[in-house]
C-alpha atoms as a PDB file:
ATOM      1  CA  MET A   1       0.048  -0.587  -0.268  1.00  0.00           C
ATOM      2  CA  LYS A   2       1.439   3.583  -0.730  1.00  0.00           C
ATOM      3  CA  ILE A   3       0.398   6.726   1.489  1.00  0.00           C
ATOM      4  CA  ARG A   4       1.297   9.907  -0.548  1.00  0.00           C
ATOM      5  CA  VAL A   5       3.616  12.325   1.160  1.00  0.00           C
ATOM      6  CA  VAL A   6       2.568  16.238   0.581  1.00  0.00           C
ATOM      7  CA  SER A   7       4.718  18.024   2.056  1.00  0.00           C
ATOM      8  CA  SER A   8       3.409  21.589   1.507  1.00  0.00           C
ATOM      9  CA  ARG A   9      -0.264  23.896   0.275  1.00  0.00           C
ATOM     10  CA  GLU A  10       1.559  23.885  -3.400  1.00  0.00           C
ATOM     11  CA  GLU A  11       2.273  20.227  -4.199  1.00  0.00           C
ATOM     12  CA  ILE A  12      -1.935  19.716  -3.762  1.00  0.00           C
ATOM     13  CA  PHE A  13      -2.444  21.523  -6.813  1.00  0.00           C
ATOM     14  CA  THR A  14       0.261  19.163  -8.701  1.00  0.00           C
ATOM     15  CA  LEU A  15      -0.999  15.007  -6.707  1.00  0.00           C
ATOM     16  CA  ASN A  16      -2.617  13.028  -9.004  1.00  0.00           C
ATOM     17  CA  PRO A  17      -6.489  12.594  -8.920  1.00  0.00           C
ATOM     18  CA  ASN A  18      -6.752   8.817  -8.228  1.00  0.00           C
ATOM     19  CA  GLU A  19      -4.802   9.175  -4.967  1.00  0.00           C
ATOM     20  CA  ARG A  20      -6.509   7.183  -1.605  1.00  0.00           C
ATOM     21  CA  VAL A  21      -4.340   7.709   0.788  1.00  0.00           C
ATOM     22  CA  ILE A  22      -2.835  10.990   1.880  1.00  0.00           C
ATOM     23  CA  HIS A  23      -0.505  11.864   4.522  1.00  0.00           C
ATOM     24  CA  MET A  24       0.078  15.733   4.944  1.00  0.00           C
ATOM     25  CA  ALA A  25       3.508  16.605   6.183  1.00  0.00           C
ATOM     26  CA  PHE A  26       2.662  20.555   7.288  1.00  0.00           C
ATOM     27  CA  ARG A  27       0.089  21.932   9.298  1.00  0.00           C
ATOM     28  CA  PRO A  28      -3.113  22.692   6.413  1.00  0.00           C
ATOM     29  CA  SER A  29      -5.522  24.568   6.908  1.00  0.00           C
ATOM     30  CA  ASN A  30      -9.566  24.234   6.150  1.00  0.00           C
ATOM     31  CA  LYS A  31      -8.272  25.449   2.492  1.00  0.00           C
ATOM     32  CA  ASP A  32      -6.036  22.997   2.106  1.00  0.00           C
ATOM     33  CA  ILE A  33      -8.295  20.134   3.370  1.00  0.00           C
ATOM     34  CA  PHE A  34     -11.257  21.425   0.488  1.00  0.00           C
ATOM     35  CA  ALA A  35      -8.282  21.800  -1.735  1.00  0.00           C
ATOM     36  CA  LEU A  36      -6.628  18.289  -1.424  1.00  0.00           C
ATOM     37  CA  ILE A  37     -10.281  16.954  -1.801  1.00  0.00           C
ATOM     38  CA  GLU A  38     -11.544  18.798  -4.872  1.00  0.00           C
ATOM     39  CA  THR A  39      -8.081  17.729  -6.141  1.00  0.00           C
ATOM     40  CA  CYS A  40      -8.442  13.804  -5.187  1.00  0.00           C
ATOM     41  CA  PRO A  41     -11.625  13.583  -5.726  1.00  0.00           C
ATOM     42  CA  LYS A  42     -11.364   9.190  -5.271  1.00  0.00           C
ATOM     43  CA  ILE A  43      -9.187  10.092  -1.498  1.00  0.00           C
ATOM     44  CA  GLU A  44     -10.648   7.928   1.645  1.00  0.00           C
ATOM     45  CA  ALA A  45      -7.853   8.379   3.982  1.00  0.00           C
ATOM     46  CA  ILE A  46      -6.030  11.706   5.679  1.00  0.00           C
ATOM     47  CA  GLN A  47      -3.136  10.582   7.487  1.00  0.00           C
ATOM     48  CA  LEU A  48      -1.640  13.943   9.974  1.00  0.00           C
ATOM     49  CA  PRO A  49       1.380  13.822  12.466  1.00  0.00           C
ATOM     50  CA  ASN A  50      -0.719  14.082  16.299  1.00  0.00           C
ATOM     51  CA  SER A  51       0.243  17.570  16.717  1.00  0.00           C
ATOM     52  CA  TYR A  52      -1.313  19.444  13.300  1.00  0.00           C
ATOM     53  CA  ARG A  53      -4.354  16.216  13.870  1.00  0.00           C
ATOM     54  CA  ARG A  54      -4.674  18.927  17.196  1.00  0.00           C
ATOM     55  CA  THR A  55      -5.442  21.877  15.413  1.00  0.00           C
ATOM     56  CA  ILE A  56      -7.917  20.241  12.675  1.00  0.00           C
ATOM     57  CA  SER A  57     -11.060  22.293  13.251  1.00  0.00           C
ATOM     58  CA  LYS A  58     -14.606  20.541  14.222  1.00  0.00           C
ATOM     59  CA  SER A  59     -16.201  22.049  11.105  1.00  0.00           C
ATOM     60  CA  ILE A  60     -13.961  20.200   9.020  1.00  0.00           C
ATOM     61  CA  GLU A  61     -14.009  16.584  10.742  1.00  0.00           C
ATOM     62  CA  MET A  62     -17.798  16.551   9.765  1.00  0.00           C
ATOM     63  CA  PHE A  63     -16.957  17.358   6.267  1.00  0.00           C
ATOM     64  CA  LEU A  64     -14.572  14.353   5.742  1.00  0.00           C
ATOM     65  CA  GLU A  65     -16.395  12.273   8.142  1.00  0.00           C
ATOM     66  CA  MET A  66     -19.709  13.061   5.893  1.00  0.00           C
ATOM     67  CA  GLN A  67     -17.711  12.345   2.649  1.00  0.00           C
ATOM     68  CA  LYS A  68     -16.538   9.418   3.984  1.00  0.00           C
ATOM     69  CA  ILE A  69     -13.002   9.819   4.617  1.00  0.00           C
ATOM     70  CA  GLN A  70     -11.382   9.397   7.225  1.00  0.00           C
ATOM     71  CA  LEU A  71      -8.531  11.034   9.765  1.00  0.00           C
ATOM     72  CA  ILE A  72      -5.867   9.103  10.500  1.00  0.00           C
ATOM     73  CA  GLU A  73      -3.100  10.130  13.494  1.00  0.00           C
ATOM     74  CA  GLY A  74       0.091   9.002  12.694  1.00  0.00           C
ATOM     75  CA  ASP A  75       3.673   9.728  10.725  1.00  0.00           C
ATOM     76  CA  VAL A  76       5.491   7.848   8.378  1.00  0.00           C
ATOM     77  CA  TRP A  77       8.564   7.305  10.023  1.00  0.00           C
ATOM     78  CA  GLY A  78      12.471   7.442   7.962  1.00  0.00           C
ATOM     79  CA  HIS A  79      10.353   8.233   5.007  1.00  0.00           C
ATOM     80  CA  ARG A  80      12.474  10.801   2.332  1.00  0.00           C
ATOM     81  CA  LYS A  81      10.525  12.794   0.628  1.00  0.00           C
ATOM     82  CA  ASP A  82      13.758  13.378  -1.678  1.00  0.00           C
ATOM     83  CA  ILE A  83      13.867   9.516  -2.428  1.00  0.00           C
ATOM     84  CA  SER A  84      10.313   9.229  -3.253  1.00  0.00           C
ATOM     85  CA  GLU A  85       7.355  10.776  -3.190  1.00  0.00           C
ATOM     86  CA  TYR A  86       5.327   7.796  -1.819  1.00  0.00           C
ATOM     87  CA  TYR A  87       5.922   6.136   1.448  1.00  0.00           C
ATOM     88  CA  ASN A  88       5.413   2.470   1.190  1.00  0.00           C
ATOM     89  CA  VAL A  89       3.735   0.533   3.656  1.00  0.00           C
ATOM     90  CA  PRO A  90       5.975  -2.820   3.927  1.00  0.00           C
ATOM     91  CA  PRO A  91       3.926  -5.606   1.840  1.00  0.00           C
ATOM     92  CA  ALA A  92       5.184  -8.270   5.701  1.00  0.00           C
ATOM     93  CA  ILE A  93       3.325  -5.748   7.443  1.00  0.00           C
ATOM     94  CA  ILE A  94       0.291  -6.222   5.417  1.00  0.00           C
ATOM     95  CA  LYS A  95       1.042 -10.373   5.807  1.00  0.00           C
ATOM     96  CA  ASP A  96       1.067  -9.785   9.032  1.00  0.00           C
ATOM     97  CA  ILE A  97      -2.194  -7.746   9.978  1.00  0.00           C
ATOM     98  CA  ARG A  98      -4.089 -10.564   6.825  1.00  0.00           C
ATOM     99  CA  ASP A  99      -2.365 -13.260   8.681  1.00  0.00           C
ATOM    100  CA  LEU A 100      -3.630 -12.569  11.958  1.00  0.00           C
ATOM    101  CA  LYS A 101      -6.962 -11.879  10.685  1.00  0.00           C
ATOM    102  CA  LEU A 102      -7.288 -14.836   9.053  1.00  0.00           C
ATOM    103  CA  VAL A 103      -6.819 -17.210  12.711  1.00  0.00           C
ATOM    104  CA  GLY A 104      -9.574 -14.796  14.345  1.00  0.00           C
ATOM    105  CA  THR A 105      -7.113 -12.457  16.431  1.00  0.00           C
ATOM    106  CA  PRO A 106      -9.445  -9.911  17.654  1.00  0.00           C
ATOM    107  CA  VAL A 107      -9.250  -6.117  16.472  1.00  0.00           C
ATOM    108  CA  GLU A 108      -7.662  -4.198  19.373  1.00  0.00           C
ATOM    109  CA  LYS A 109      -5.198  -7.058  19.160  1.00  0.00           C
ATOM    110  CA  ILE A 110      -4.170  -7.206  16.181  1.00  0.00           C
ATOM    111  CA  GLU A 111      -4.077  -2.865  15.730  1.00  0.00           C
ATOM    112  CA  GLU A 112      -1.754  -2.803  19.116  1.00  0.00           C
ATOM    113  CA  LYS A 113       0.879  -5.938  18.282  1.00  0.00           C
ATOM    114  CA  VAL A 114       1.370  -4.558  14.825  1.00  0.00           C
ATOM    115  CA  SER A 115       1.981  -0.812  15.620  1.00  0.00           C
ATOM    116  CA  ARG A 116       3.805  -1.969  18.671  1.00  0.00           C
ATOM    117  CA  GLU A 117       6.547  -4.407  15.887  1.00  0.00           C
ATOM    118  CA  SER A 118       6.123  -2.009  12.951  1.00  0.00           C
ATOM    119  CA  LYS A 119       6.339   2.178  13.688  1.00  0.00           C
ATOM    120  CA  LEU A 120       2.506   2.079  11.887  1.00  0.00           C
ATOM    121  CA  ASN A 121      -0.297   3.889  14.183  1.00  0.00           C
ATOM    122  CA  PRO A 122      -3.346   1.512  15.016  1.00  0.00           C
ATOM    123  CA  GLU A 123      -5.571   4.190  13.495  1.00  0.00           C
ATOM    124  CA  MET A 124      -3.367   3.030  10.207  1.00  0.00           C
ATOM    125  CA  VAL A 125      -3.274  -0.230  11.356  1.00  0.00           C
ATOM    126  CA  ALA A 126      -7.429   0.120  11.580  1.00  0.00           C
ATOM    127  CA  TYR A 127      -7.383   1.126   8.265  1.00  0.00           C
ATOM    128  CA  ILE A 128      -5.607  -1.644   6.657  1.00  0.00           C
ATOM    129  CA  LEU A 129      -7.449  -4.038   8.539  1.00  0.00           C
ATOM    130  CA  ALA A 130     -11.076  -2.574   7.099  1.00  0.00           C
ATOM    131  CA  ARG A 131     -10.075  -1.993   3.938  1.00  0.00           C
ATOM    132  CA  ASP A 132      -8.388  -5.386   3.607  1.00  0.00           C
ATOM    133  CA  VAL A 133      -5.591  -3.851   1.073  1.00  0.00           C
ATOM    134  CA  THR A 134      -3.729  -5.622  -1.410  1.00  0.00           C
ATOM    135  CA  ASP A 135      -1.561  -3.878  -2.410  1.00  0.00           C
END
């Protein structure tokens, strides 16, 4: 699974309209969120670092909820934007999530175990679980 990392406001307008998961590495304003949704109509999830997530207005949270877009708290540890625009969730992590799901492990335990072993936030693990990502 690929997460598109966006480092600046200006970059929003250059995004591929088919992007589904975005990590915003800057503090977005309401206007930035609207621009992102307009540029990428197929977006399913927006990930923000913890400190930025707390500054998102309630009205934007409600708007995203109505649009069925998840707002996820988390980071892309060790990602270098100068090497790639995307953070790739390692296939081994996705396989671990699937394997745990197949043996009937409770969702909370999967989130806890995978987030502890990888650097993925439990909310992102839950997103991957719910979406049953194949790539």
